[in-house]
Amino acid sequence: MKREIWFQKAGWSYIPWHWKGFAAMAVMGLPAAATGGAAIWMLNHWGYRDVALLPFFLMTGLAIIGLRAVAKRTS
C-alpha cells in the first residue's frame, strides 16, 4: 500500500499538498483561533486589557507545534 503525502517540504516549512493537508490545517487552526478569540473577549470584558493577546499567541503557538508534527509525519 502506497503512503499518502499530505504535505511537501518547502524550505524550512511544509505546505499542504493533498486535501487532507488542508483539512488538518483547518482542524488544528480553527479551534485555536476560536479559543484565542474567546479568551481575548473574556479578558477584555473582565478588564484585563494588558494581557488580552497572550491567550491568542499561546493557542496559535500550540496549533503551530501540533501542525508541524502532523506535517512532518505525513510528508
Protein backbone atom coordinates (compact mmCIF):
# COMPACT_ATOMS: atom_id res chain seq x y z
CA MET A 1 0.00 0.00 0.00
CA LYS A 2 1.41 3.35 -1.05
CA ARG A 3 1.69 6.09 1.57
CA GLU A 4 -0.28 9.30 1.03
CA ILE A 5 1.72 12.52 1.04
CA TRP A 6 -0.30 15.30 2.70
CA PHE A 7 2.46 17.94 2.94
CA GLN A 8 5.55 18.82 0.90
CA LYS A 9 8.64 20.36 2.45
CA ALA A 10 9.36 23.84 1.10
CA GLY A 11 12.42 25.48 2.62
CA TRP A 12 12.06 25.39 6.39
CA SER A 13 8.33 24.79 6.34
CA TYR A 14 5.68 22.45 4.95
CA ILE A 15 2.88 23.28 2.53
CA PRO A 16 -0.32 21.27 2.12
CA TRP A 17 -0.16 19.02 -0.92
CA HIS A 18 -3.31 16.94 -0.51
CA TRP A 19 -6.85 17.82 0.55
CA LYS A 20 -6.18 16.05 3.84
CA GLY A 21 -3.35 18.52 4.48
CA PHE A 22 -5.77 21.42 4.15
CA ALA A 23 -8.24 19.59 6.38
CA ALA A 24 -5.54 19.03 9.02
CA MET A 25 -4.74 22.75 8.96
CA ALA A 26 -8.41 23.61 9.44
CA VAL A 27 -8.89 21.06 12.21
CA MET A 28 -5.91 22.45 14.14
CA GLY A 29 -6.20 26.14 13.24
CA LEU A 30 -9.87 26.99 13.54
CA PRO A 31 -10.39 25.77 17.13
CA ALA A 32 -7.16 27.50 18.18
CA ALA A 33 -8.29 30.79 16.64
CA ALA A 34 -11.77 30.46 18.16
CA THR A 35 -10.40 29.66 21.62
CA GLY A 36 -7.90 32.50 21.43
CA GLY A 37 -10.60 34.91 20.28
CA ALA A 38 -12.95 33.87 23.07
CA ALA A 39 -10.17 34.29 25.63
CA ILE A 40 -9.35 37.76 24.30
CA TRP A 41 -13.02 38.76 24.52
CA MET A 42 -13.32 37.42 28.08
CA LEU A 43 -10.15 39.18 29.27
CA ASN A 44 -11.24 42.46 27.68
CA HIS A 45 -14.69 42.08 29.24
CA TRP A 46 -13.18 41.48 32.70
CA GLY A 47 -10.85 44.48 32.38
CA TYR A 48 -7.52 42.72 31.78
CA ARG A 49 -6.59 44.62 28.65
CA ASP A 50 -2.83 44.38 29.31
CA VAL A 51 -2.70 40.60 28.85
CA ALA A 52 -5.53 40.24 26.34
CA LEU A 53 -3.38 38.99 23.44
CA LEU A 54 -1.45 36.42 25.49
CA PRO A 55 -4.01 33.56 25.10
CA PHE A 56 -4.21 34.12 21.35
CA PHE A 57 -0.44 33.75 20.98
CA LEU A 58 -0.38 30.70 23.24
CA MET A 59 -3.16 28.93 21.34
CA THR A 60 -1.63 29.84 17.98
CA GLY A 61 1.75 28.52 19.14
CA LEU A 62 0.23 25.24 20.28
CA ALA A 63 -1.57 24.86 16.95
CA ILE A 64 1.65 25.52 15.01
CA ILE A 65 3.58 22.97 17.07
CA GLY A 66 0.87 20.36 16.56
CA LEU A 67 0.52 21.08 12.86
CA ARG A 68 4.27 20.83 12.36
CA ALA A 69 4.25 17.39 13.99
CA VAL A 70 1.42 16.24 11.72
CA ALA A 71 3.11 17.71 8.63
CA LYS A 72 6.44 16.08 9.44
CA ARG A 73 4.78 12.71 9.93
CA THR A 74 2.73 12.84 6.70
CA SER A 75 5.32 14.33 4.36
